Amino acid sequence: MSKAFIAAVIQDSLGCTGVAASHGAEALIQAIVSELRTEGSFTLPSFGRFTVCTTKTRQALNPRTGEPVKVEAGRTVRFKASPVLKKSV
């Protein structure tokens, strides 16, 4: 799914211009990112929950050379699907 796809769905459902739909899609994405930064999680009812998780420093292997590589600790976003989404898929 892309931002253009979201904008097209908004445009079709609201009957607005493509520019307005694109602005709406951008605002939606920015709101989700902002909520993840401030609260650490975002729940979309009947869809699922996005949460920010911290990863630990770990050793990995370079797939080309097979040499061990140190992967630094960081943050990532994880998603857990709601039961409604699981049933519909």
PDB file of N, CA and C in Angstrom:
ATOM      1  N   MET A   1       0.848  -1.162   0.000  1.00  0.00           N
ATOM      2  CA  MET A   1       0.000   0.000   0.000  1.00  0.00           C
ATOM      3  C   MET A   1       0.901   1.235   0.000  1.00  0.00           C
ATOM      4  N   SER A   2       0.521   2.218  -0.779  1.00  0.00           N
ATOM      5  CA  SER A   2       1.302   3.437  -0.873  1.00  0.00           C
ATOM      6  C   SER A   2       0.445   4.641  -0.491  1.00  0.00           C
ATOM      7  N   LYS A   3       1.098   5.782  -0.338  1.00  0.00           N
ATOM      8  CA  LYS A   3       0.378   7.015  -0.030  1.00  0.00           C
ATOM      9  C   LYS A   3      -0.558   7.380  -1.179  1.00  0.00           C
ATOM     10  N   ALA A   4      -0.160   7.094  -2.399  1.00  0.00           N
ATOM     11  CA  ALA A   4      -1.007   7.365  -3.562  1.00  0.00           C
ATOM     12  C   ALA A   4      -2.273   6.516  -3.526  1.00  0.00           C
ATOM     13  N   PHE A   5      -2.150   5.267  -3.082  1.00  0.00           N
ATOM     14  CA  PHE A   5      -3.317   4.399  -2.958  1.00  0.00           C
ATOM     15  C   PHE A   5      -4.280   4.937  -1.908  1.00  0.00           C
ATOM     16  N   ILE A   6      -3.746   5.354  -0.753  1.00  0.00           N
ATOM     17  CA  ILE A   6      -4.582   5.922   0.307  1.00  0.00           C
ATOM     18  C   ILE A   6      -5.282   7.178  -0.202  1.00  0.00           C
ATOM     19  N   ALA A   7      -4.544   8.030  -0.918  1.00  0.00           N
ATOM     20  CA  ALA A   7      -5.128   9.252  -1.476  1.00  0.00           C
ATOM     21  C   ALA A   7      -6.231   8.918  -2.481  1.00  0.00           C
ATOM     22  N   ALA A   8      -6.045   7.885  -3.283  1.00  0.00           N
ATOM     23  CA  ALA A   8      -7.060   7.492  -4.267  1.00  0.00           C
ATOM     24  C   ALA A   8      -8.331   6.988  -3.579  1.00  0.00           C
ATOM     25  N   VAL A   9      -8.171   6.239  -2.491  1.00  0.00           N
ATOM     26  CA  VAL A   9      -9.327   5.754  -1.742  1.00  0.00           C
ATOM     27  C   VAL A   9     -10.071   6.926  -1.113  1.00  0.00           C
ATOM     28  N   ILE A  10      -9.337   7.876  -0.548  1.00  0.00           N
ATOM     29  CA  ILE A  10      -9.960   9.065   0.038  1.00  0.00           C
ATOM     30  C   ILE A  10     -10.690   9.855  -1.041  1.00  0.00           C
ATOM     31  N   GLN A  11     -10.062  10.027  -2.180  1.00  0.00           N
ATOM     32  CA  GLN A  11     -10.671  10.784  -3.285  1.00  0.00           C
ATOM     33  C   GLN A  11     -11.960  10.111  -3.760  1.00  0.00           C
ATOM     34  N   ASP A  12     -11.949   8.806  -3.905  1.00  0.00           N
ATOM     35  CA  ASP A  12     -13.136   8.090  -4.369  1.00  0.00           C
ATOM     36  C   ASP A  12     -14.269   8.132  -3.344  1.00  0.00           C
ATOM     37  N   SER A  13     -13.920   7.988  -2.071  1.00  0.00           N
ATOM     38  CA  SER A  13     -14.973   7.929  -1.061  1.00  0.00           C
ATOM     39  C   SER A  13     -15.566   9.304  -0.746  1.00  0.00           C
ATOM     40  N   LEU A  14     -14.760  10.358  -0.827  1.00  0.00           N
ATOM     41  CA  LEU A  14     -15.254  11.697  -0.505  1.00  0.00           C
ATOM     42  C   LEU A  14     -15.660  12.495  -1.731  1.00  0.00           C
ATOM     43  N   GLY A  15     -15.195  12.084  -2.891  1.00  0.00           N
ATOM     44  CA  GLY A  15     -15.486  12.836  -4.104  1.00  0.00           C
ATOM     45  C   GLY A  15     -14.776  14.170  -4.146  1.00  0.00           C
ATOM     46  N   CYS A  16     -13.597  14.237  -3.562  1.00  0.00           N
ATOM     47  CA  CYS A  16     -12.826  15.482  -3.544  1.00  0.00           C
ATOM     48  C   CYS A  16     -11.747  15.439  -4.624  1.00  0.00           C
ATOM     49  N   THR A  17     -10.976  16.516  -4.727  1.00  0.00           N
ATOM     50  CA  THR A  17      -9.910  16.577  -5.722  1.00  0.00           C
ATOM     51  C   THR A  17      -8.734  15.706  -5.295  1.00  0.00           C
ATOM     52  N   GLY A  18      -7.889  15.383  -6.245  1.00  0.00           N
ATOM     53  CA  GLY A  18      -6.712  14.579  -5.952  1.00  0.00           C
ATOM     54  C   GLY A  18      -5.741  15.284  -5.029  1.00  0.00           C
ATOM     55  N   VAL A  19      -5.635  16.609  -5.161  1.00  0.00           N
ATOM     56  CA  VAL A  19      -4.733  17.382  -4.302  1.00  0.00           C
ATOM     57  C   VAL A  19      -5.221  17.334  -2.861  1.00  0.00           C
ATOM     58  N   ALA A  20      -6.532  17.532  -2.658  1.00  0.00           N
ATOM     59  CA  ALA A  20      -7.097  17.500  -1.312  1.00  0.00           C
ATOM     60  C   ALA A  20      -6.942  16.111  -0.696  1.00  0.00           C
ATOM     61  N   ALA A  21      -7.151  15.071  -1.491  1.00  0.00           N
ATOM     62  CA  ALA A  21      -6.998  13.702  -1.006  1.00  0.00           C
ATOM     63  C   ALA A  21      -5.548  13.412  -0.647  1.00  0.00           C
ATOM     64  N   SER A  22      -4.611  13.926  -1.439  1.00  0.00           N
ATOM     65  CA  SER A  22      -3.195  13.743  -1.148  1.00  0.00           C
ATOM     66  C   SER A  22      -2.805  14.439   0.156  1.00  0.00           C
ATOM     67  N   HIS A  23      -3.336  15.632   0.378  1.00  0.00           N
ATOM     68  CA  HIS A  23      -3.082  16.347   1.637  1.00  0.00           C
ATOM     69  C   HIS A  23      -3.677  15.580   2.812  1.00  0.00           C
ATOM     70  N   GLY A  24      -4.862  15.009   2.620  1.00  0.00           N
ATOM     71  CA  GLY A  24      -5.495  14.219   3.673  1.00  0.00           C
ATOM     72  C   GLY A  24      -4.697  12.980   4.015  1.00  0.00           C
ATOM     73  N   ALA A  25      -4.178  12.288   2.995  1.00  0.00           N
ATOM     74  CA  ALA A  25      -3.359  11.093   3.219  1.00  0.00           C
ATOM     75  C   ALA A  25      -2.073  11.453   3.951  1.00  0.00           C
ATOM     76  N   GLU A  26      -1.448  12.557   3.552  1.00  0.00           N
ATOM     77  CA  GLU A  26      -0.221  13.009   4.222  1.00  0.00           C
ATOM     78  C   GLU A  26      -0.494  13.366   5.681  1.00  0.00           C
ATOM     79  N   ALA A  27      -1.616  14.040   5.926  1.00  0.00           N
ATOM     80  CA  ALA A  27      -1.975  14.413   7.299  1.00  0.00           C
ATOM     81  C   ALA A  27      -2.233  13.176   8.149  1.00  0.00           C
ATOM     82  N   LEU A  28      -2.861  12.172   7.586  1.00  0.00           N
ATOM     83  CA  LEU A  28      -3.125  10.922   8.301  1.00  0.00           C
ATOM     84  C   LEU A  28      -1.819  10.243   8.692  1.00  0.00           C
ATOM     85  N   ILE A  29      -0.905  10.138   7.755  1.00  0.00           N
ATOM     86  CA  ILE A  29       0.380   9.492   8.028  1.00  0.00           C
ATOM     87  C   ILE A  29       1.164  10.268   9.078  1.00  0.00           C
ATOM     88  N   GLN A  30       1.184  11.586   8.968  1.00  0.00           N
ATOM     89  CA  GLN A  30       1.895  12.416   9.951  1.00  0.00           C
ATOM     90  C   GLN A  30       1.277  12.289  11.335  1.00  0.00           C
ATOM     91  N   ALA A  31      -0.040  12.171  11.421  1.00  0.00           N
ATOM     92  CA  ALA A  31      -0.706  12.007  12.718  1.00  0.00           C
ATOM     93  C   ALA A  31      -0.315  10.681  13.366  1.00  0.00           C
ATOM     94  N   ILE A  32      -0.237   9.624  12.569  1.00  0.00           N
ATOM     95  CA  ILE A  32       0.165   8.318  13.103  1.00  0.00           C
ATOM     96  C   ILE A  32       1.604   8.364  13.595  1.00  0.00           C
ATOM     97  N   VAL A  33       2.502   8.953  12.809  1.00  0.00           N
ATOM     98  CA  VAL A  33       3.915   9.057  13.202  1.00  0.00           C
ATOM     99  C   VAL A  33       4.056   9.893  14.468  1.00  0.00           C
ATOM    100  N   SER A  34       3.332  10.987  14.543  1.00  0.00           N
ATOM    101  CA  SER A  34       3.381  11.852  15.725  1.00  0.00           C
ATOM    102  C   SER A  34       2.898  11.113  16.970  1.00  0.00           C
ATOM    103  N   GLU A  35       1.835  10.357  16.833  1.00  0.00           N
ATOM    104  CA  GLU A  35       1.306   9.586  17.961  1.00  0.00           C
ATOM    105  C   GLU A  35       2.290   8.515  18.405  1.00  0.00           C
ATOM    106  N   LEU A  36       2.968   7.866  17.460  1.00  0.00           N
ATOM    107  CA  LEU A  36       3.971   6.865  17.818  1.00  0.00           C
ATOM    108  C   LEU A  36       5.146   7.507  18.541  1.00  0.00           C
ATOM    109  N   ARG A  37       5.542   8.704  18.124  1.00  0.00           N
ATOM    110  CA  ARG A  37       6.664   9.397  18.792  1.00  0.00           C
ATOM    111  C   ARG A  37       6.302   9.803  20.213  1.00  0.00           C
ATOM    112  N   THR A  38       5.106  10.343  20.405  1.00  0.00           N
ATOM    113  CA  THR A  38       4.744  10.874  21.722  1.00  0.00           C
ATOM    114  C   THR A  38       4.239   9.799  22.672  1.00  0.00           C
ATOM    115  N   GLU A  39       3.372   8.907  22.206  1.00  0.00           N
ATOM    116  CA  GLU A  39       2.741   7.917  23.081  1.00  0.00           C
ATOM    117  C   GLU A  39       3.409   6.553  23.045  1.00  0.00           C
ATOM    118  N   GLY A  40       4.083   6.234  21.951  1.00  0.00           N
ATOM    119  CA  GLY A  40       4.735   4.940  21.838  1.00  0.00           C
ATOM    120  C   GLY A  40       3.838   3.847  21.270  1.00  0.00           C
ATOM    121  N   SER A  41       2.567   4.171  21.027  1.00  0.00           N
ATOM    122  CA  SER A  41       1.670   3.186  20.421  1.00  0.00           C
ATOM    123  C   SER A  41       0.529   3.908  19.717  1.00  0.00           C
ATOM    124  N   PHE A  42      -0.099   3.181  18.798  1.00  0.00           N
ATOM    125  CA  PHE A  42      -1.226   3.726  18.050  1.00  0.00           C
ATOM    126  C   PHE A  42      -2.168   2.574  17.734  1.00  0.00           C
ATOM    127  N   THR A  43      -3.427   2.703  18.127  1.00  0.00           N
ATOM    128  CA  THR A  43      -4.406   1.655  17.885  1.00  0.00           C
ATOM    129  C   THR A  43      -5.423   2.130  16.863  1.00  0.00           C
ATOM    130  N   LEU A  44      -5.633   1.328  15.863  1.00  0.00           N
ATOM    131  CA  LEU A  44      -6.655   1.575  14.853  1.00  0.00           C
ATOM    132  C   LEU A  44      -7.724   0.505  15.076  1.00  0.00           C
ATOM    133  N   PRO A  45      -8.892   0.894  15.629  1.00  0.00           N
ATOM    134  CA  PRO A  45      -9.917  -0.101  15.963  1.00  0.00           C
ATOM    135  C   PRO A  45     -10.289  -0.963  14.754  1.00  0.00           C
ATOM    136  N   SER A  46     -10.513  -2.222  15.001  1.00  0.00           N
ATOM    137  CA  SER A  46     -10.860  -3.239  14.002  1.00  0.00           C
ATOM    138  C   SER A  46      -9.730  -3.501  13.005  1.00  0.00           C
ATOM    139  N   PHE A  47      -8.544  -2.936  13.237  1.00  0.00           N
ATOM    140  CA  PHE A  47      -7.418  -3.170  12.346  1.00  0.00           C
ATOM    141  C   PHE A  47      -6.237  -3.730  13.128  1.00  0.00           C
ATOM    142  N   GLY A  48      -5.740  -2.997  14.126  1.00  0.00           N
ATOM    143  CA  GLY A  48      -4.629  -3.490  14.908  1.00  0.00           C
ATOM    144  C   GLY A  48      -3.941  -2.394  15.687  1.00  0.00           C
ATOM    145  N   ARG A  49      -2.809  -2.767  16.281  1.00  0.00           N
ATOM    146  CA  ARG A  49      -2.075  -1.854  17.140  1.00  0.00           C
ATOM    147  C   ARG A  49      -0.611  -1.799  16.692  1.00  0.00           C
ATOM    148  N   PHE A  50      -0.100  -0.567  16.542  1.00  0.00           N
ATOM    149  CA  PHE A  50       1.297  -0.318  16.244  1.00  0.00           C
ATOM    150  C   PHE A  50       1.981   0.081  17.541  1.00  0.00           C
ATOM    151  N   THR A  51       3.119  -0.524  17.867  1.00  0.00           N
ATOM    152  CA  THR A  51       3.859  -0.156  19.068  1.00  0.00           C
ATOM    153  C   THR A  51       5.331   0.044  18.732  1.00  0.00           C
ATOM    154  N   VAL A  52       5.956   0.976  19.431  1.00  0.00           N
ATOM    155  CA  VAL A  52       7.388   1.234  19.278  1.00  0.00           C
ATOM    156  C   VAL A  52       8.122   0.327  20.253  1.00  0.00           C
ATOM    157  N   CYS A  53       9.088  -0.446  19.758  1.00  0.00           N
ATOM    158  CA  CYS A  53       9.865  -1.367  20.583  1.00  0.00           C
ATOM    159  C   CYS A  53      11.343  -1.055  20.442  1.00  0.00           C
ATOM    160  N   THR A  54      12.077  -1.320  21.492  1.00  0.00           N
ATOM    161  CA  THR A  54      13.525  -1.122  21.491  1.00  0.00           C
ATOM    162  C   THR A  54      14.198  -2.456  21.193  1.00  0.00           C
ATOM    163  N   THR A  55      15.153  -2.436  20.266  1.00  0.00           N
ATOM    164  CA  THR A  55      15.902  -3.646  19.946  1.00  0.00           C
ATOM    165  C   THR A  55      17.255  -3.594  20.639  1.00  0.00           C
ATOM    166  N   LYS A  56      17.797  -4.752  20.963  1.00  0.00           N
ATOM    167  CA  LYS A  56      19.086  -4.846  21.640  1.00  0.00           C
ATOM    168  C   LYS A  56      20.218  -4.915  20.611  1.00  0.00           C
ATOM    169  N   THR A  57      21.415  -4.603  21.054  1.00  0.00           N
ATOM    170  CA  THR A  57      22.602  -4.796  20.225  1.00  0.00           C
ATOM    171  C   THR A  57      22.778  -6.297  20.014  1.00  0.00           C
ATOM    172  N   ARG A  58      23.115  -6.682  18.776  1.00  0.00           N
ATOM    173  CA  ARG A  58      23.257  -8.109  18.480  1.00  0.00           C
ATOM    174  C   ARG A  58      24.313  -8.331  17.410  1.00  0.00           C
ATOM    175  N   GLN A  59      24.693  -9.583  17.272  1.00  0.00           N
ATOM    176  CA  GLN A  59      25.634  -9.992  16.230  1.00  0.00           C
ATOM    177  C   GLN A  59      24.828 -10.580  15.068  1.00  0.00           C
ATOM    178  N   ALA A  60      25.183 -10.207  13.857  1.00  0.00           N
ATOM    179  CA  ALA A  60      24.566 -10.765  12.661  1.00  0.00           C
ATOM    180  C   ALA A  60      25.684 -11.191  11.712  1.00  0.00           C
ATOM    181  N   LEU A  61      25.319 -11.834  10.620  1.00  0.00           N
ATOM    182  CA  LEU A  61      26.305 -12.258   9.637  1.00  0.00           C
ATOM    183  C   LEU A  61      26.088 -11.509   8.332  1.00  0.00           C
ATOM    184  N   ASN A  62      27.195 -11.045   7.741  1.00  0.00           N
ATOM    185  CA  ASN A  62      27.135 -10.440   6.423  1.00  0.00           C
ATOM    186  C   ASN A  62      26.827 -11.557   5.430  1.00  0.00           C
ATOM    187  N   PRO A  63      25.726 -11.454   4.667  1.00  0.00           N
ATOM    188  CA  PRO A  63      25.360 -12.559   3.784  1.00  0.00           C
ATOM    189  C   PRO A  63      26.350 -12.815   2.653  1.00  0.00           C
ATOM    190  N   ARG A  64      27.116 -11.820   2.241  1.00  0.00           N
ATOM    191  CA  ARG A  64      28.070 -12.012   1.143  1.00  0.00           C
ATOM    192  C   ARG A  64      29.366 -12.655   1.609  1.00  0.00           C
ATOM    193  N   THR A  65      29.875 -12.170   2.749  1.00  0.00           N
ATOM    194  CA  THR A  65      31.186 -12.638   3.199  1.00  0.00           C
ATOM    195  C   THR A  65      31.111 -13.639   4.341  1.00  0.00           C
ATOM    196  N   GLY A  66      29.972 -13.661   5.046  1.00  0.00           N
ATOM    197  CA  GLY A  66      29.846 -14.555   6.194  1.00  0.00           C
ATOM    198  C   GLY A  66      30.508 -14.020   7.447  1.00  0.00           C
ATOM    199  N   GLU A  67      31.070 -12.803   7.373  1.00  0.00           N
ATOM    200  CA  GLU A  67      31.725 -12.215   8.539  1.00  0.00           C
ATOM    201  C   GLU A  67      30.691 -11.721   9.542  1.00  0.00           C
ATOM    202  N   PRO A  68      31.010 -11.814  10.837  1.00  0.00           N
ATOM    203  CA  PRO A  68      30.095 -11.281  11.849  1.00  0.00           C
ATOM    204  C   PRO A  68      30.069  -9.752  11.796  1.00  0.00           C
ATOM    205  N   VAL A  69      28.883  -9.188  11.977  1.00  0.00           N
ATOM    206  CA  VAL A  69      28.683  -7.746  11.955  1.00  0.00           C
ATOM    207  C   VAL A  69      27.918  -7.367  13.212  1.00  0.00           C
ATOM    208  N   LYS A  70      28.339  -6.288  13.863  1.00  0.00           N
ATOM    209  CA  LYS A  70      27.645  -5.821  15.055  1.00  0.00           C
ATOM    210  C   LYS A  70      26.496  -4.904  14.621  1.00  0.00           C
ATOM    211  N   VAL A  71      25.278  -5.224  15.061  1.00  0.00           N
ATOM    212  CA  VAL A  71      24.097  -4.414  14.773  1.00  0.00           C
ATOM    213  C   VAL A  71      23.771  -3.633  16.037  1.00  0.00           C
ATOM    214  N   GLU A  72      23.765  -2.315  15.912  1.00  0.00           N
ATOM    215  CA  GLU A  72      23.525  -1.448  17.065  1.00  0.00           C
ATOM    216  C   GLU A  72      22.083  -1.548  17.553  1.00  0.00           C
ATOM    217  N   ALA A  73      21.878  -1.195  18.806  1.00  0.00           N
ATOM    218  CA  ALA A  73      20.530  -1.134  19.371  1.00  0.00           C
ATOM    219  C   ALA A  73      19.757  -0.017  18.680  1.00  0.00           C
ATOM    220  N   GLY A  74      18.464  -0.143  18.636  1.00  0.00           N
ATOM    221  CA  GLY A  74      17.650   0.870  17.978  1.00  0.00           C
ATOM    222  C   GLY A  74      16.193   0.736  18.357  1.00  0.00           C
ATOM    223  N   ARG A  75      15.367   1.422  17.601  1.00  0.00           N
ATOM    224  CA  ARG A  75      13.927   1.372  17.831  1.00  0.00           C
ATOM    225  C   ARG A  75      13.247   0.958  16.531  1.00  0.00           C
ATOM    226  N   THR A  76      12.171   0.201  16.669  1.00  0.00           N
ATOM    227  CA  THR A  76      11.407  -0.247  15.512  1.00  0.00           C
ATOM    228  C   THR A  76       9.927  -0.224  15.860  1.00  0.00           C
ATOM    229  N   VAL A  77       9.090  -0.336  14.849  1.00  0.00           N
ATOM    230  CA  VAL A  77       7.650  -0.358  15.053  1.00  0.00           C
ATOM    231  C   VAL A  77       7.156  -1.775  14.777  1.00  0.00           C
ATOM    232  N   ARG A  78       6.374  -2.296  15.705  1.00  0.00           N
ATOM    233  CA  ARG A  78       5.785  -3.624  15.533  1.00  0.00           C
ATOM    234  C   ARG A  78       4.279  -3.483  15.404  1.00  0.00           C
ATOM    235  N   PHE A  79       3.669  -4.436  14.728  1.00  0.00           N
ATOM    236  CA  PHE A  79       2.230  -4.405  14.488  1.00  0.00           C
ATOM    237  C   PHE A  79       1.607  -5.704  14.961  1.00  0.00           C
ATOM    238  N   LYS A  80       0.475  -5.586  15.666  1.00  0.00           N
ATOM    239  CA  LYS A  80      -0.293  -6.755  16.074  1.00  0.00           C
ATOM    240  C   LYS A  80      -1.701  -6.587  15.519  1.00  0.00           C
ATOM    241  N   ALA A  81      -2.113  -7.538  14.696  1.00  0.00           N
ATOM    242  CA  ALA A  81      -3.422  -7.467  14.058  1.00  0.00           C
ATOM    243  C   ALA A  81      -4.533  -7.739  15.070  1.00  0.00           C
ATOM    244  N   SER A  82      -5.671  -7.056  14.878  1.00  0.00           N
ATOM    245  CA  SER A  82      -6.821  -7.265  15.753  1.00  0.00           C
ATOM    246  C   SER A  82      -7.514  -8.572  15.366  1.00  0.00           C
ATOM    247  N   PRO A  83      -8.305  -9.125  16.279  1.00  0.00           N
ATOM    248  CA  PRO A  83      -9.046 -10.344  15.949  1.00  0.00           C
ATOM    249  C   PRO A  83      -9.994 -10.151  14.756  1.00  0.00           C
ATOM    250  N   VAL A  84     -10.559  -8.965  14.610  1.00  0.00           N
ATOM    251  CA  VAL A  84     -11.450  -8.678  13.482  1.00  0.00           C
ATOM    252  C   VAL A  84     -10.680  -8.782  12.167  1.00  0.00           C
ATOM    253  N   LEU A  85      -9.480  -8.218  12.116  1.00  0.00           N
ATOM    254  CA  LEU A  85      -8.657  -8.293  10.908  1.00  0.00           C
ATOM    255  C   LEU A  85      -8.239  -9.732  10.624  1.00  0.00           C
ATOM    256  N   LYS A  86      -7.865 -10.452  11.662  1.00  0.00           N
ATOM    257  CA  LYS A  86      -7.448 -11.852  11.472  1.00  0.00           C
ATOM    258  C   LYS A  86      -8.576 -12.692  10.894  1.00  0.00           C
ATOM    259  N   LYS A  87      -9.799 -12.465  11.365  1.00  0.00           N
ATOM    260  CA  LYS A  87     -10.930 -13.233  10.848  1.00  0.00           C
ATOM    261  C   LYS A  87     -11.250 -12.883   9.398  1.00  0.00           C
ATOM    262  N   SER A  88     -11.086 -11.604   9.037  1.00  0.00           N
ATOM    263  CA  SER A  88     -11.455 -11.184   7.687  1.00  0.00           C
ATOM    264  C   SER A  88     -10.418 -11.571   6.639  1.00  0.00           C
ATOM    265  N   VAL A  89      -9.206 -11.853   7.070  1.00  0.00           N
ATOM    266  CA  VAL A  89      -8.157 -12.249   6.126  1.00  0.00           C
ATOM    267  C   VAL A  89      -8.061 -13.721   6.158  1.00  0.00           C
TER     268      VAL A  89
END
